[in-house]
C-alpha atoms as a PDB file:
ATOM      1  CA  UNK A   1       0.000   0.000   0.000  1.00  0.00           C
ATOM      2  CA  UNK A   2       1.405   3.391  -0.962  1.00  0.00           C
ATOM      3  CA  UNK A   3       1.520   6.292   1.436  1.00  0.00           C
ATOM      4  CA  UNK A   4      -0.582   9.282   0.418  1.00  0.00           C
ATOM      5  CA  UNK A   5       0.821  12.757   1.065  1.00  0.00           C
ATOM      6  CA  UNK A   6       0.540  16.269  -0.320  1.00  0.00           C
ATOM      7  CA  UNK A   7       3.342  18.719   0.486  1.00  0.00           C
ATOM      8  CA  UNK A   8       3.218  22.465  -0.030  1.00  0.00           C
ATOM      9  CA  UNK A   9       4.054  25.746   1.686  1.00  0.00           C
ATOM     10  CA  UNK A  10       1.370  28.041   3.067  1.00  0.00           C
ATOM     11  CA  UNK A  11       1.720  31.789   3.228  1.00  0.00           C
ATOM     12  CA  UNK A  12      -0.575  32.170   6.205  1.00  0.00           C
ATOM     13  CA  UNK A  13      -1.926  29.891   8.923  1.00  0.00           C
ATOM     14  CA  UNK A  14      -4.323  30.906  11.661  1.00  0.00           C
ATOM     15  CA  UNK A  15      -5.432  28.498  14.405  1.00  0.00           C
ATOM     16  CA  UNK A  16      -8.041  29.378  17.023  1.00  0.00           C
ATOM     17  CA  UNK A  17     -10.130  27.561  19.611  1.00  0.00           C
ATOM     18  CA  UNK A  18     -13.305  26.070  18.206  1.00  0.00           C
ATOM     19  CA  UNK A  19     -16.051  25.595  19.054  1.00  0.00           C
ATOM     20  CA  UNK A  20     -16.135  28.613  21.314  1.00  0.00           C
ATOM     21  CA  UNK A  21     -17.653  26.569  24.148  1.00  0.00           C
ATOM     22  CA  UNK A  22     -14.764  24.064  24.129  1.00  0.00           C
ATOM     23  CA  UNK A  23     -12.253  24.121  27.007  1.00  0.00           C
ATOM     24  CA  UNK A  24      -9.918  27.120  27.046  1.00  0.00           C
ATOM     25  CA  UNK A  25      -6.336  26.696  25.882  1.00  0.00           C
ATOM     26  CA  UNK A  26      -3.402  27.242  28.185  1.00  0.00           C
ATOM     27  CA  UNK A  27      -1.454  30.483  27.789  1.00  0.00           C
ATOM     28  CA  UNK A  28       1.605  28.383  26.916  1.00  0.00           C
ATOM     29  CA  UNK A  29      -0.186  26.687  24.021  1.00  0.00           C
ATOM     30  CA  UNK A  30      -1.586  29.979  22.703  1.00  0.00           C
ATOM     31  CA  UNK A  31       1.871  31.593  22.874  1.00  0.00           C
ATOM     32  CA  UNK A  32       3.399  28.631  21.001  1.00  0.00           C
ATOM     33  CA  UNK A  33       0.715  28.869  18.279  1.00  0.00           C
ATOM     34  CA  UNK A  34       1.182  32.619  17.949  1.00  0.00           C
ATOM     35  CA  UNK A  35       4.969  32.320  17.753  1.00  0.00           C
ATOM     36  CA  UNK A  36       5.100  29.438  15.259  1.00  0.00           C
ATOM     37  CA  UNK A  37       1.942  29.948  13.186  1.00  0.00           C
ATOM     38  CA  UNK A  38      -0.535  32.761  13.810  1.00  0.00           C
ATOM     39  CA  UNK A  39       1.838  35.724  14.011  1.00  0.00           C
ATOM     40  CA  UNK A  40       4.720  34.232  12.031  1.00  0.00           C
ATOM     41  CA  UNK A  41       5.049  35.613   8.489  1.00  0.00           C
ATOM     42  CA  UNK A  42       7.406  32.836   7.299  1.00  0.00           C
ATOM     43  CA  UNK A  43       6.056  30.224   4.908  1.00  0.00           C
ATOM     44  CA  UNK A  44       4.818  27.141   6.746  1.00  0.00           C
ATOM     45  CA  UNK A  45       5.398  23.574   5.529  1.00  0.00           C
ATOM     46  CA  UNK A  46       2.098  21.696   5.213  1.00  0.00           C
ATOM     47  CA  UNK A  47       1.982  17.904   4.963  1.00  0.00           C
ATOM     48  CA  UNK A  48      -1.409  16.376   4.281  1.00  0.00           C
ATOM     49  CA  UNK A  49      -1.863  12.665   4.895  1.00  0.00           C
ATOM     50  CA  UNK A  50      -5.000  10.652   4.271  1.00  0.00           C
ATOM     51  CA  UNK A  51      -6.498  11.551   7.680  1.00  0.00           C
ATOM     52  CA  UNK A  52      -4.242  14.201   9.264  1.00  0.00           C
ATOM     53  CA  UNK A  53      -2.580  17.517   8.506  1.00  0.00           C
ATOM     54  CA  UNK A  54       0.829  18.483   9.865  1.00  0.00           C
ATOM     55  CA  UNK A  55       1.841  22.143  10.100  1.00  0.00           C
ATOM     56  CA  UNK A  56       5.314  22.689  11.552  1.00  0.00           C
ATOM     57  CA  UNK A  57       5.314  20.816  14.909  1.00  0.00           C
ATOM     58  CA  UNK A  58       1.528  20.500  15.107  1.00  0.00           C
ATOM     59  CA  UNK A  59      -0.409  17.468  13.879  1.00  0.00           C
ATOM     60  CA  UNK A  60      -4.131  17.965  13.376  1.00  0.00           C
ATOM     61  CA  UNK A  61      -6.371  14.874  13.470  1.00  0.00           C
ATOM     62  CA  UNK A  62     -10.112  14.152  13.652  1.00  0.00           C
ATOM     63  CA  UNK A  63     -10.616  16.433  10.646  1.00  0.00           C
ATOM     64  CA  UNK A  64     -14.164  17.748  10.143  1.00  0.00           C
ATOM     65  CA  UNK A  65     -16.024  20.333   8.076  1.00  0.00           C
ATOM     66  CA  UNK A  66     -13.248  20.786   5.526  1.00  0.00           C
ATOM     67  CA  UNK A  67     -13.761  23.706   3.152  1.00  0.00           C
ATOM     68  CA  UNK A  68     -11.461  24.438   0.197  1.00  0.00           C
ATOM     69  CA  UNK A  69     -11.966  27.478  -2.013  1.00  0.00           C
ATOM     70  CA  UNK A  70     -10.475  30.048  -4.340  1.00  0.00           C
ATOM     71  CA  UNK A  71     -11.916  33.379  -3.164  1.00  0.00           C
ATOM     72  CA  UNK A  72     -13.314  35.740  -5.790  1.00  0.00           C
ATOM     73  CA  UNK A  73     -10.817  38.274  -7.167  1.00  0.00           C
ATOM     74  CA  UNK A  74      -7.870  36.720  -5.293  1.00  0.00           C
ATOM     75  CA  UNK A  75      -5.043  34.601  -6.598  1.00  0.00           C
ATOM     76  CA  UNK A  76      -4.968  32.221  -3.657  1.00  0.00           C
ATOM     77  CA  UNK A  77      -6.412  29.029  -2.283  1.00  0.00           C
ATOM     78  CA  UNK A  78      -7.883  28.767   1.206  1.00  0.00           C
ATOM     79  CA  UNK A  79      -8.579  25.674   3.271  1.00  0.00           C
ATOM     80  CA  UNK A  80     -10.529  25.824   6.540  1.00  0.00           C
ATOM     81  CA  UNK A  81     -11.251  22.863   8.794  1.00  0.00           C
ATOM     82  CA  UNK A  82     -12.060  21.766  12.319  1.00  0.00           C
ATOM     83  CA  UNK A  83      -9.611  19.413  14.009  1.00  0.00           C
ATOM     84  CA  UNK A  84      -8.072  18.188  17.210  1.00  0.00           C
ATOM     85  CA  UNK A  85      -4.443  18.578  18.313  1.00  0.00           C
ATOM     86  CA  UNK A  86      -2.695  18.235  21.651  1.00  0.00           C
ATOM     87  CA  UNK A  87      -6.038  17.168  23.195  1.00  0.00           C
ATOM     88  CA  UNK A  88      -7.769  20.435  22.255  1.00  0.00           C
ATOM     89  CA  UNK A  89     -10.160  21.416  19.469  1.00  0.00           C
ATOM     90  CA  UNK A  90      -9.392  24.041  16.839  1.00  0.00           C
ATOM     91  CA  UNK A  91     -10.500  25.821  13.704  1.00  0.00           C
ATOM     92  CA  UNK A  92      -7.616  26.098  11.213  1.00  0.00           C
ATOM     93  CA  UNK A  93      -7.318  28.525   8.281  1.00  0.00           C
ATOM     94  CA  UNK A  94      -4.570  27.917   5.685  1.00  0.00           C
ATOM     95  CA  UNK A  95      -3.888  30.361   2.822  1.00  0.00           C
ATOM     96  CA  UNK A  96      -1.710  29.532  -0.206  1.00  0.00           C
ATOM     97  CA  UNK A  97      -0.680  32.364  -2.538  1.00  0.00           C
ATOM     98  CA  UNK A  98       1.991  30.608  -4.626  1.00  0.00           C
ATOM     99  CA  UNK A  99       1.931  30.659  -8.439  1.00  0.00           C
ATOM    100  CA  UNK A 100       0.579  27.103  -8.490  1.00  0.00           C
ATOM    101  CA  UNK A 101      -2.335  27.724  -6.108  1.00  0.00           C
ATOM    102  CA  UNK A 102      -4.791  26.250  -8.648  1.00  0.00           C
ATOM    103  CA  UNK A 103      -2.775  23.010  -8.811  1.00  0.00           C
ATOM    104  CA  UNK A 104      -2.744  22.841  -5.013  1.00  0.00           C
ATOM    105  CA  UNK A 105      -6.490  23.566  -4.940  1.00  0.00           C
ATOM    106  CA  UNK A 106      -7.108  20.649  -7.327  1.00  0.00           C
ATOM    107  CA  UNK A 107      -4.930  18.308  -5.242  1.00  0.00           C
ATOM    108  CA  UNK A 108      -6.766  19.319  -2.060  1.00  0.00           C
ATOM    109  CA  UNK A 109     -10.179  18.756  -3.662  1.00  0.00           C
ATOM    110  CA  UNK A 110      -9.070  15.286  -4.829  1.00  0.00           C
ATOM    111  CA  UNK A 111      -7.736  14.490  -1.325  1.00  0.00           C
ATOM    112  CA  UNK A 112     -10.991  15.610   0.285  1.00  0.00           C
ATOM    113  CA  UNK A 113     -13.093  13.497  -2.084  1.00  0.00           C
ATOM    114  CA  UNK A 114     -10.908  10.429  -1.604  1.00  0.00           C
ATOM    115  CA  UNK A 115     -10.405  10.450   2.170  1.00  0.00           C
ATOM    116  CA  UNK A 116     -12.956  12.716   3.826  1.00  0.00           C
ATOM    117  CA  UNK A 117     -16.417  11.875   2.588  1.00  0.00           C
END
């Protein structure tokens, strides 16, 4: 059996607690997210497996409500999903602005259809 993966770099990642009535995150976790993802302008390596998404040192599992789109009038692809990591729940926004954003969009749509229906 072959291993399925998609690799790309995201221009922006934003992770926040979701749903809002889920347990609060520790200050340490929020600071780590802000430092490595939310407030970090460096490109972030994204690795998508059949049932998980890894962004830097964070692995998101239990993926739900995955949305993938190309916003009107923008040359970018956006993926939003609910997931679990480090025993907490989150809403994750990933934005890709590279020249091949349409190719990445198509790969993500194929991944979603194959593994997340």
